[in-house]
Amino acid sequence: MAARRRIRVVVRAGLCACLVAGAIGAGAIDAGAAPVASAAPSASQPTPTPARPSTYSVPPAAPSPTDSGKSPDSPDPHPPRGGIGPDGRAIGGTRLLSRGLVQPAGVPALPSDLTAQSWILVDLDSGSVLAARDPHGRYQPASILKILTSVTLLPLLPGSRLVTVSAAAAHAEGSAAGLVPGGTYTVDQLFEGLLLVSGNDTAAALADAAGGSARTVAMMNRTALGLGAYDTLAQTPSGLDGWQQLTSAYDMSLFLRAALADPRFIAYDQVRSAVLPVQPSNGYGPVTMDNQNTLFLSTVPGALVAKTGYTDAAQHTFAGAISRDGRRLGVILMRAQRWPQDQWQQATDLMNWGFALPPGTAPVGHLAPPVPVPAAAKSRAPGATARQAAIARLGAGGHTGWVVWVVIAAVLGVLVPLWWLGNRRNRRNRAGPAPTPARSYARSRSPHSAYRRR
C-alpha cells in the first residue's frame, strides 16, 4: 500500500510538472508570436521599421461588418493601415507608413486641387515613389480593381477564344457593357467591355471563362501576393464592394505597373470605341461601348492608360499613367471627389508636378520587389501566422527551444521514479511474499460496514 501511495504521489508530481512546462511553453510561443503592431502612425512621425523581423499575416485583418448587408454602404471613417510585409518589415520604406502627406524636402508645392484621402505618385520605370498621402491605407478600390483582374486573366485567356455568357454573368450587379444571356463574344470584346465601360457583366463572363468567380478571385489574391501587394484582399472580380475587399494606393500602383507590361492591356484600354456584335439567338445588338476615359487619353500629352471606379463605400477612385521623354509616371487616387476638378484632371496635375521635379530629387520610397513568403505567413488568417512560426521555432532550435528541455525534464521526472519503484517491487517479489497477518472480521460484521464500502 505504501508503495502504491508513493507511486501515486510521484505520478501526480510529474503530471503537475508537465502542466507547468506546457504553460511555460505556450507562454513562450505566444510571446514569440506577438504580431507587428499596425496602429496608424502620426502624419509627421512615420512608423519605424521593426527592429527584429517576424512573420506577419498578409494581408492584415479587415474591419468586421457593421451590419447585415453584403457590403458597406458608406466609407469607413477609420480605414486600417497595411504596409507590413510577411517578414514583418515596412514595404517600400518606413516613410510610406505615414497616414499623412509624404514628399521630398525643398520641392515646389503640390497641386492644390487634390481631394483623394489616399494617393501615390510613382515612377513606373525606376519604381521610385515621388510623393504620397497615406499610401498604405487600406480602402475599397471599386472598379480600378479590374486592373488586377486583367493582370490575372490576360495570360490565361487568348483574345480569339469564344465565350458563351451565362444568365448570372449577363445580369451581374452594377455597371454593364450590355451582354445578353446565351450570347457569344470573344475574349477581346469582353476585355474591351471591362476596361472601356467598366462592365461588371464582362468581369463575370471573363471569370466564368477562367473557371468561375471563386477560382478567379483566388488567382487574383495569389497574383497580388506574387507582386508584393500585401495590403490587398480581393473578393470580387469586378471591384464591387465586399466587407473584406480592401487594397491600397501602393498596391494599386504595383498592379498598374504590371498591367503596363502587357501590350494587350494597353491596347484594350486605349481603344476609343468598340462594338459588341449582334447576337443571332435574339437579334440583340450591336452595342457601342465608348471609352469612359476618352478625355484623359485624348487631351493629355503622353497619356497611356486610365481606369476609373466608384461605389458608395469607395467613393471615386482613379488609376492612370503618362509617358513623356522616355519616362513613365503613374498615379493612384483612392476615396477622391470629382470637384473642383474631375479626378483625371487632378491626377494629370499631380503627374505634371512629378515630371517637373528637379533631377536628382530624392524619392520618399520605392516599389519593393516581393518578399519570399514564409510557409507560416501564407495563411490569410491574421494571428495564426506568427503563432505557427513560433511553434516551428521550437523544433528548429530557436529562441524558445529551451522549452523543449523543460518538457523533457518533466517527463523524465515521471518515468525515472516509476522505473525505480518498479525495480524495487520486483526485488521484493523475488525475496518471497511477506507474511500475511490474521484478519479480524469484527468490522466487516458491523451493520454499517457495507454502507461505508460503497
Protein backbone atom coordinates (compact mmCIF):
# COMPACT_ATOMS: atom_id res chain seq x y z
CA MET A 1 0.00 0.00 0.00
CA ALA A 2 2.80 2.41 0.91
CA ALA A 3 4.48 1.69 -2.44
CA ARG A 4 1.27 2.42 -4.30
CA ARG A 5 0.86 5.69 -2.43
CA ARG A 6 4.41 6.64 -3.34
CA ILE A 7 3.72 5.85 -6.99
CA ARG A 8 0.57 8.00 -6.96
CA VAL A 9 2.47 10.88 -5.36
CA VAL A 10 5.25 10.66 -7.93
CA VAL A 11 2.80 10.45 -10.86
CA ARG A 12 0.86 13.46 -9.59
CA ALA A 13 4.04 15.45 -9.15
CA GLY A 14 5.18 14.53 -12.64
CA LEU A 15 1.83 15.49 -14.16
CA CYS A 16 1.98 18.84 -12.38
CA ALA A 17 5.48 19.35 -13.78
CA CYS A 18 4.20 18.57 -17.30
CA LEU A 19 1.34 21.04 -16.91
CA VAL A 20 3.69 23.75 -15.69
CA ALA A 21 6.09 23.05 -18.57
CA GLY A 22 3.22 23.17 -21.05
CA ALA A 23 2.06 26.50 -19.67
CA ILE A 24 5.59 27.87 -19.91
CA GLY A 25 5.87 26.64 -23.50
CA ALA A 26 2.53 28.13 -24.51
CA GLY A 27 3.51 31.43 -22.96
CA ALA A 28 6.80 31.40 -24.79
CA ILE A 29 5.04 30.63 -28.07
CA ASP A 30 2.55 33.44 -27.57
CA ALA A 31 5.33 35.82 -26.61
CA GLY A 32 7.27 34.91 -29.73
CA ALA A 33 4.14 35.15 -31.86
CA ALA A 34 3.19 38.70 -30.99
CA PRO A 35 2.21 40.32 -34.32
CA VAL A 36 3.70 43.56 -35.55
CA ALA A 37 1.55 46.45 -34.40
CA SER A 38 -0.45 48.08 -37.18
CA ALA A 39 -1.70 51.17 -35.38
CA ALA A 40 -1.83 54.24 -37.57
CA PRO A 41 1.29 56.39 -37.20
CA SER A 42 1.27 60.14 -36.85
CA ALA A 43 1.32 62.04 -40.13
CA SER A 44 4.52 63.80 -39.02
CA GLN A 45 6.23 60.82 -37.39
CA PRO A 46 6.46 57.79 -39.67
CA THR A 47 6.47 54.41 -38.02
CA PRO A 48 9.98 52.88 -37.93
CA THR A 49 10.81 49.51 -39.38
CA PRO A 50 10.54 46.79 -36.71
CA ALA A 51 13.99 46.15 -35.22
CA ARG A 52 13.62 42.38 -35.40
CA PRO A 53 11.60 40.95 -38.29
CA SER A 54 8.91 38.41 -37.52
CA THR A 55 6.37 36.59 -39.61
CA TYR A 56 3.23 38.57 -40.30
CA SER A 57 -0.12 37.70 -41.76
CA VAL A 58 -0.68 39.26 -45.17
CA PRO A 59 -2.92 40.98 -45.85
CA PRO A 60 -3.78 42.17 -42.32
CA ALA A 61 -7.24 41.77 -40.85
CA ALA A 62 -10.03 43.87 -42.30
CA PRO A 63 -12.70 45.56 -40.17
CA SER A 64 -15.65 43.41 -39.16
CA PRO A 65 -19.02 44.07 -40.84
CA THR A 66 -21.12 46.66 -39.05
CA ASP A 67 -24.48 45.48 -40.38
CA SER A 68 -26.09 42.53 -42.13
CA GLY A 69 -25.55 43.85 -45.66
CA LYS A 70 -23.22 42.03 -48.03
CA SER A 71 -21.06 45.13 -48.41
CA PRO A 72 -20.55 48.51 -46.70
CA ASP A 73 -22.77 51.33 -47.90
CA SER A 74 -20.53 54.21 -46.82
CA PRO A 75 -16.81 54.93 -46.43
CA ASP A 76 -15.06 53.59 -43.35
CA PRO A 77 -14.18 56.67 -41.27
CA HIS A 78 -11.11 54.89 -39.91
CA PRO A 79 -9.57 52.87 -42.75
CA PRO A 80 -6.94 50.42 -41.49
CA ARG A 81 -3.32 50.60 -42.48
CA GLY A 82 -1.18 47.94 -44.10
CA GLY A 83 2.38 48.32 -45.26
CA ILE A 84 3.98 45.41 -43.39
CA GLY A 85 5.35 42.50 -45.39
CA PRO A 86 5.36 38.83 -44.44
CA ASP A 87 8.83 39.31 -42.91
CA GLY A 88 7.49 41.95 -40.53
CA ARG A 89 9.26 44.87 -42.25
CA ALA A 90 7.85 48.03 -43.82
CA ILE A 91 7.15 47.66 -47.53
CA GLY A 92 8.65 50.35 -49.74
CA GLY A 93 10.36 52.21 -46.89
CA THR A 94 9.30 53.46 -43.47
CA ARG A 95 8.19 56.88 -44.72
CA LEU A 96 5.39 55.21 -46.66
CA LEU A 97 3.82 54.05 -43.38
CA SER A 98 2.70 57.61 -42.70
CA ARG A 99 -1.03 58.27 -42.68
CA GLY A 100 -0.41 61.81 -43.92
CA LEU A 101 1.48 63.59 -46.68
CA VAL A 102 4.95 62.37 -47.67
CA GLN A 103 7.01 64.47 -50.08
CA PRO A 104 10.66 65.36 -50.68
CA ALA A 105 12.12 68.36 -48.90
CA GLY A 106 12.61 71.60 -50.80
CA VAL A 107 10.33 70.82 -53.74
CA PRO A 108 7.60 73.02 -55.23
CA ALA A 109 4.18 72.97 -53.62
CA LEU A 110 1.86 70.17 -54.61
CA PRO A 111 -1.23 70.89 -56.72
CA SER A 112 -3.94 72.45 -54.59
CA ASP A 113 -6.85 70.57 -56.12
CA LEU A 114 -6.08 67.08 -54.75
CA THR A 115 -9.13 65.63 -53.00
CA ALA A 116 -8.09 62.00 -52.55
CA GLN A 117 -7.76 60.74 -48.99
CA SER A 118 -5.02 58.39 -50.21
CA TRP A 119 -2.82 58.73 -53.28
CA ILE A 120 0.58 57.83 -54.67
CA LEU A 121 2.77 59.18 -57.47
CA VAL A 122 5.32 56.69 -58.80
CA ASP A 123 7.98 56.43 -61.47
CA LEU A 124 6.83 53.24 -63.16
CA ASP A 125 10.25 52.55 -64.66
CA SER A 126 12.56 53.06 -61.68
CA GLY A 127 9.98 52.17 -59.03
CA SER A 128 10.64 55.38 -57.11
CA VAL A 129 7.78 56.83 -55.10
CA LEU A 130 7.92 60.58 -55.71
CA ALA A 131 5.21 61.62 -53.24
CA ALA A 132 2.24 60.09 -51.47
CA ARG A 133 -0.52 60.50 -48.95
CA ASP A 134 -1.48 57.54 -46.73
CA PRO A 135 -0.10 55.18 -49.41
CA HIS A 136 -0.64 52.01 -47.35
CA GLY A 137 -4.10 52.97 -46.08
CA ARG A 138 -6.49 50.17 -47.00
CA TYR A 139 -9.58 51.32 -48.90
CA GLN A 140 -12.27 49.84 -51.13
CA PRO A 141 -10.95 50.01 -54.72
CA ALA A 142 -14.21 49.95 -56.70
CA SER A 143 -13.65 49.25 -60.41
CA ILE A 144 -9.95 50.06 -60.55
CA LEU A 145 -9.60 46.54 -59.11
CA LYS A 146 -10.36 45.41 -62.67
CA ILE A 147 -6.70 46.19 -63.36
CA LEU A 148 -5.78 43.27 -61.07
CA THR A 149 -8.47 41.16 -62.76
CA SER A 150 -6.85 41.93 -66.11
CA VAL A 151 -3.32 41.21 -64.92
CA THR A 152 -4.54 37.87 -63.58
CA LEU A 153 -6.63 36.71 -66.54
CA LEU A 154 -4.86 38.09 -69.60
CA PRO A 155 -2.16 35.37 -69.60
CA LEU A 156 -4.86 32.69 -69.35
CA LEU A 157 -7.40 33.75 -71.97
CA PRO A 158 -6.44 34.19 -75.64
CA GLY A 159 -8.21 37.06 -77.33
CA SER A 160 -9.86 34.97 -80.06
CA ARG A 161 -11.47 32.50 -77.68
CA LEU A 162 -15.28 32.46 -77.80
CA VAL A 163 -17.19 32.71 -74.52
CA THR A 164 -20.89 31.95 -74.09
CA VAL A 165 -22.34 34.22 -71.42
CA SER A 166 -24.38 32.77 -68.57
CA ALA A 167 -27.54 34.41 -67.28
CA ALA A 168 -25.82 35.13 -63.97
CA ALA A 169 -22.97 36.96 -65.71
CA ALA A 170 -25.29 38.92 -68.01
CA HIS A 171 -27.34 40.09 -65.00
CA ALA A 172 -24.36 40.97 -62.80
CA GLU A 173 -24.97 43.81 -60.36
CA GLY A 174 -23.76 47.29 -61.23
CA SER A 175 -22.42 48.80 -64.42
CA ALA A 176 -22.87 46.70 -67.56
CA ALA A 177 -21.47 46.60 -71.06
CA GLY A 178 -24.65 45.02 -72.45
CA LEU A 179 -24.05 41.27 -72.62
CA VAL A 180 -27.07 39.02 -73.12
CA PRO A 181 -27.66 35.56 -71.64
CA GLY A 182 -26.56 32.90 -74.10
CA GLY A 183 -24.67 35.47 -76.17
CA THR A 184 -21.31 34.58 -77.64
CA TYR A 185 -18.42 37.04 -77.54
CA THR A 186 -14.66 36.90 -77.99
CA VAL A 187 -12.32 37.43 -75.06
CA ASP A 188 -11.09 40.56 -76.86
CA GLN A 189 -14.61 42.01 -76.81
CA LEU A 190 -15.06 41.11 -73.14
CA PHE A 191 -11.82 42.84 -72.13
CA GLU A 192 -12.84 45.91 -74.10
CA GLY A 193 -16.13 45.96 -72.21
CA LEU A 194 -14.22 45.52 -68.96
CA LEU A 195 -11.86 48.45 -69.49
CA LEU A 196 -13.84 50.88 -71.68
CA VAL A 197 -17.16 50.94 -69.80
CA SER A 198 -16.20 49.02 -66.65
CA GLY A 199 -18.74 46.30 -67.32
CA ASN A 200 -19.37 44.08 -64.33
CA ASP A 201 -21.11 41.67 -66.69
CA THR A 202 -17.90 41.33 -68.69
CA ALA A 203 -15.92 40.79 -65.46
CA ALA A 204 -18.28 37.95 -64.53
CA ALA A 205 -18.09 36.43 -68.03
CA LEU A 206 -14.29 36.53 -68.03
CA ALA A 207 -14.23 34.96 -64.56
CA ASP A 208 -16.54 32.19 -65.79
CA ALA A 209 -14.21 31.59 -68.73
CA ALA A 210 -11.30 31.21 -66.30
CA GLY A 211 -13.07 28.62 -64.16
CA GLY A 212 -15.58 30.61 -62.13
CA SER A 213 -15.66 33.60 -59.83
CA ALA A 214 -14.25 31.81 -56.77
CA ARG A 215 -11.30 30.44 -58.72
CA THR A 216 -10.67 33.81 -60.34
CA VAL A 217 -10.69 35.63 -57.00
CA ALA A 218 -8.27 33.06 -55.57
CA MET A 219 -5.96 33.60 -58.54
CA MET A 220 -6.23 37.38 -58.10
CA ASN A 221 -5.11 37.08 -54.49
CA ARG A 222 -2.20 34.84 -55.48
CA THR A 223 -1.24 37.36 -58.18
CA ALA A 224 -1.32 40.16 -55.62
CA LEU A 225 0.99 38.25 -53.29
CA GLY A 226 3.31 37.44 -56.18
CA LEU A 227 3.63 41.16 -56.98
CA GLY A 228 4.37 42.08 -53.37
CA ALA A 229 0.95 43.66 -52.83
CA TYR A 230 0.42 42.71 -49.19
CA ASP A 231 -2.37 45.22 -48.43
CA THR A 232 -4.83 43.65 -50.88
CA LEU A 233 -7.61 41.13 -50.46
CA ALA A 234 -9.92 40.65 -53.44
CA GLN A 235 -13.42 39.25 -53.06
CA THR A 236 -14.96 40.06 -56.44
CA PRO A 237 -13.53 40.16 -59.97
CA SER A 238 -15.49 43.33 -60.74
CA GLY A 239 -14.46 45.51 -57.80
CA LEU A 240 -17.95 45.57 -56.29
CA ASP A 241 -17.51 46.14 -52.58
CA GLY A 242 -17.10 43.35 -50.08
CA TRP A 243 -16.59 43.79 -46.35
CA GLN A 244 -13.07 42.43 -46.52
CA GLN A 245 -12.17 43.65 -50.02
CA LEU A 246 -9.52 46.29 -49.46
CA THR A 247 -6.38 47.50 -51.16
CA SER A 248 -4.04 50.47 -51.01
CA ALA A 249 -2.73 53.13 -53.36
CA TYR A 250 0.68 51.47 -53.06
CA ASP A 251 -0.65 48.05 -54.09
CA MET A 252 -2.68 49.51 -56.95
CA SER A 253 0.50 51.11 -58.33
CA LEU A 254 2.03 47.62 -58.44
CA PHE A 255 -0.98 46.35 -60.39
CA LEU A 256 -0.80 49.34 -62.75
CA ARG A 257 2.89 48.72 -63.43
CA ALA A 258 2.22 45.01 -64.08
CA ALA A 259 -0.65 45.87 -66.46
CA LEU A 260 1.58 48.21 -68.48
CA ALA A 261 3.97 45.30 -69.03
CA ASP A 262 1.24 43.55 -71.07
CA PRO A 263 0.69 45.08 -74.55
CA ARG A 264 -2.84 43.63 -74.68
CA PHE A 265 -3.89 45.64 -71.65
CA ILE A 266 -2.61 48.87 -73.19
CA ALA A 267 -4.30 48.10 -76.50
CA TYR A 268 -7.68 47.39 -74.88
CA ASP A 269 -7.53 50.42 -72.60
CA GLN A 270 -6.63 52.86 -75.36
CA VAL A 271 -9.49 51.93 -77.70
CA ARG A 272 -11.79 54.93 -78.04
CA SER A 273 -14.85 52.92 -79.00
CA ALA A 274 -15.74 49.27 -79.53
CA VAL A 275 -18.81 47.27 -80.52
CA LEU A 276 -20.44 44.17 -79.11
CA PRO A 277 -21.85 42.26 -82.10
CA VAL A 278 -25.46 41.37 -82.84
CA GLN A 279 -26.47 38.10 -81.20
CA PRO A 280 -28.13 35.71 -83.69
CA SER A 281 -30.11 33.98 -80.94
CA ASN A 282 -32.24 37.02 -80.12
CA GLY A 283 -31.17 39.75 -82.55
CA TYR A 284 -29.88 41.96 -79.70
CA GLY A 285 -27.18 44.43 -80.70
CA PRO A 286 -24.98 45.83 -81.86
CA VAL A 287 -23.92 47.63 -78.66
CA THR A 288 -21.46 50.52 -78.87
CA MET A 289 -19.04 50.99 -75.98
CA ASP A 290 -17.37 54.41 -75.72
CA ASN A 291 -14.26 54.74 -73.59
CA GLN A 292 -15.08 56.44 -70.27
CA ASN A 293 -11.57 57.92 -70.15
CA THR A 294 -11.51 59.50 -73.60
CA LEU A 295 -10.89 63.00 -72.21
CA PHE A 296 -7.76 61.89 -70.40
CA LEU A 297 -6.49 59.76 -73.27
CA SER A 298 -7.19 62.34 -75.98
CA THR A 299 -6.26 65.63 -74.29
CA VAL A 300 -3.31 64.81 -72.01
CA PRO A 301 0.07 64.67 -73.80
CA GLY A 302 1.59 61.23 -73.45
CA ALA A 303 -1.46 59.66 -71.80
CA LEU A 304 -1.02 55.88 -71.66
CA VAL A 305 -3.91 54.27 -69.80
CA ALA A 306 -6.63 55.18 -67.33
CA LYS A 307 -9.28 53.43 -65.24
CA THR A 308 -11.96 54.91 -63.02
CA GLY A 309 -14.17 53.48 -60.31
CA TYR A 310 -16.96 54.41 -57.95
CA THR A 311 -19.03 52.81 -55.19
CA ASP A 312 -20.70 54.32 -52.14
CA ALA A 313 -18.02 52.91 -49.85
CA ALA A 314 -15.04 53.58 -52.13
CA GLN A 315 -16.15 56.97 -53.44
CA HIS A 316 -14.23 57.91 -56.60
CA THR A 317 -11.04 56.04 -57.49
CA PHE A 318 -8.63 56.51 -60.37
CA ALA A 319 -5.55 54.88 -61.89
CA GLY A 320 -3.65 56.44 -64.76
CA ALA A 321 -0.25 56.74 -66.41
CA ILE A 322 1.57 59.20 -68.67
CA SER A 323 4.72 58.67 -70.75
CA ARG A 324 6.97 61.61 -71.63
CA ASP A 325 10.57 61.79 -72.79
CA GLY A 326 11.13 58.13 -72.14
CA ARG A 327 9.81 58.32 -68.59
CA ARG A 328 6.52 56.89 -67.30
CA LEU A 329 4.72 58.20 -64.23
CA GLY A 330 1.62 56.68 -62.67
CA VAL A 331 -0.95 57.93 -60.17
CA ILE A 332 -3.47 56.17 -57.97
CA LEU A 333 -6.27 58.13 -56.27
CA MET A 334 -8.34 56.49 -53.52
CA ARG A 335 -11.52 57.94 -51.99
CA ALA A 336 -11.40 61.05 -54.15
CA GLN A 337 -14.06 63.56 -55.20
CA ARG A 338 -14.70 64.95 -58.68
CA TRP A 339 -14.55 68.59 -57.65
CA PRO A 340 -13.24 71.25 -58.04
CA GLN A 341 -11.83 69.27 -60.95
CA ASP A 342 -12.53 65.81 -62.25
CA GLN A 343 -10.27 63.13 -60.88
CA TRP A 344 -8.45 62.60 -64.17
CA GLN A 345 -7.55 66.30 -64.10
CA GLN A 346 -6.32 66.02 -60.50
CA ALA A 347 -4.20 63.03 -61.49
CA THR A 348 -2.82 64.90 -64.52
CA ASP A 349 -1.82 67.89 -62.37
CA LEU A 350 -0.04 65.55 -59.96
CA MET A 351 1.87 63.79 -62.75
CA ASN A 352 2.78 67.17 -64.32
CA TRP A 353 4.22 68.14 -60.92
CA GLY A 354 6.21 64.92 -60.87
CA PHE A 355 7.66 65.44 -64.34
CA ALA A 356 8.75 68.96 -63.29
CA LEU A 357 10.72 67.84 -60.22
CA PRO A 358 14.39 68.80 -60.39
CA PRO A 359 16.74 65.99 -61.50
CA GLY A 360 18.19 64.10 -58.57
CA THR A 361 15.22 64.71 -56.27
CA ALA A 362 15.32 62.02 -53.61
CA PRO A 363 12.29 59.69 -53.63
CA VAL A 364 10.24 59.14 -50.49
CA GLY A 365 10.06 55.38 -51.01
CA HIS A 366 10.16 52.70 -53.65
CA LEU A 367 8.06 49.93 -55.15
CA ALA A 368 9.65 46.95 -53.45
CA PRO A 369 10.08 43.51 -55.01
CA PRO A 370 8.03 40.73 -53.44
CA VAL A 371 9.30 39.26 -50.19
CA PRO A 372 9.67 35.46 -50.07
CA VAL A 373 6.58 34.46 -48.10
CA PRO A 374 7.37 32.02 -45.25
CA ALA A 375 5.13 28.96 -45.18
CA ALA A 376 3.61 30.12 -41.91
CA ALA A 377 2.82 33.56 -43.35
CA LYS A 378 0.84 32.31 -46.34
CA SER A 379 -2.26 31.96 -44.21
CA ARG A 380 -4.63 34.89 -44.59
CA ALA A 381 -5.97 34.34 -41.07
CA PRO A 382 -4.30 37.13 -39.03
CA GLY A 383 -2.86 35.92 -35.74
CA ALA A 384 -2.40 32.29 -36.78
CA THR A 385 0.70 33.02 -38.82
CA ALA A 386 3.03 34.22 -36.09
CA ARG A 387 1.87 31.53 -33.69
CA GLN A 388 2.59 28.81 -36.26
CA ALA A 389 6.02 30.28 -36.85
CA ALA A 390 6.76 30.37 -33.13
CA ILE A 391 5.76 26.72 -32.81
CA ALA A 392 8.05 25.90 -35.72
CA ARG A 393 10.90 27.68 -33.95
CA LEU A 394 10.57 25.28 -31.03
CA GLY A 395 11.66 22.39 -33.21
CA ALA A 396 14.23 24.47 -35.06
CA GLY A 397 16.28 25.42 -32.01
CA GLY A 398 15.05 29.00 -31.99
CA HIS A 399 14.99 31.35 -29.05
CA THR A 400 12.18 29.36 -27.40
CA GLY A 401 13.86 25.97 -27.90
CA TRP A 402 14.66 25.75 -24.18
CA VAL A 403 11.01 24.94 -23.58
CA VAL A 404 11.59 21.54 -25.18
CA TRP A 405 14.15 20.71 -22.48
CA VAL A 406 11.70 21.73 -19.75
CA VAL A 407 9.13 19.30 -21.13
CA ILE A 408 11.72 16.52 -21.46
CA ALA A 409 12.85 17.06 -17.86
CA ALA A 410 9.26 16.86 -16.63
CA VAL A 411 8.64 13.61 -18.47
CA LEU A 412 11.84 12.12 -17.11
CA GLY A 413 10.76 13.27 -13.65
CA VAL A 414 7.80 10.89 -14.02
CA LEU A 415 9.44 7.96 -15.76
CA VAL A 416 12.62 7.62 -13.67
CA PRO A 417 10.86 7.30 -10.25
CA LEU A 418 8.37 4.85 -11.77
CA TRP A 419 11.24 2.72 -13.09
CA TRP A 420 12.99 2.79 -9.69
CA LEU A 421 9.86 1.84 -7.76
CA GLY A 422 9.09 -0.95 -10.22
CA ASN A 423 12.53 -2.44 -9.81
CA ARG A 424 12.21 -2.23 -6.02
CA ARG A 425 8.94 -4.17 -6.08
CA ASN A 426 10.44 -6.80 -8.34
CA ARG A 427 13.30 -7.32 -5.88
CA ARG A 428 10.79 -7.77 -3.03
CA ASN A 429 8.78 -10.29 -5.01
CA ARG A 430 11.88 -12.33 -5.74
CA ALA A 431 12.65 -12.45 -1.99
CA GLY A 432 9.24 -14.04 -1.25
CA PRO A 433 5.88 -12.75 -0.12
CA ALA A 434 5.64 -11.01 3.22
CA PRO A 435 3.72 -12.91 5.91
CA THR A 436 0.06 -12.02 5.99
CA PRO A 437 -1.33 -11.05 9.43
CA ALA A 438 -4.54 -12.69 10.63
CA ARG A 439 -7.55 -10.63 9.68
CA SER A 440 -10.22 -9.59 12.12
CA TYR A 441 -13.75 -9.80 10.80
CA ALA A 442 -15.20 -7.73 13.58
CA ARG A 443 -15.51 -4.58 11.42
CA SER A 444 -16.97 -6.46 8.44
CA ARG A 445 -19.75 -7.79 10.63
CA SER A 446 -20.76 -4.28 11.63
CA PRO A 447 -24.24 -3.44 10.33
CA HIS A 448 -22.79 -0.22 8.87
CA SER A 449 -19.75 -1.77 7.17
CA ALA A 450 -21.45 -2.45 3.85
CA TYR A 451 -22.60 1.18 3.65
CA ARG A 452 -19.13 2.50 4.32
CA ARG A 453 -17.66 0.45 1.41
CA ARG A 454 -20.00 1.78 -1.22
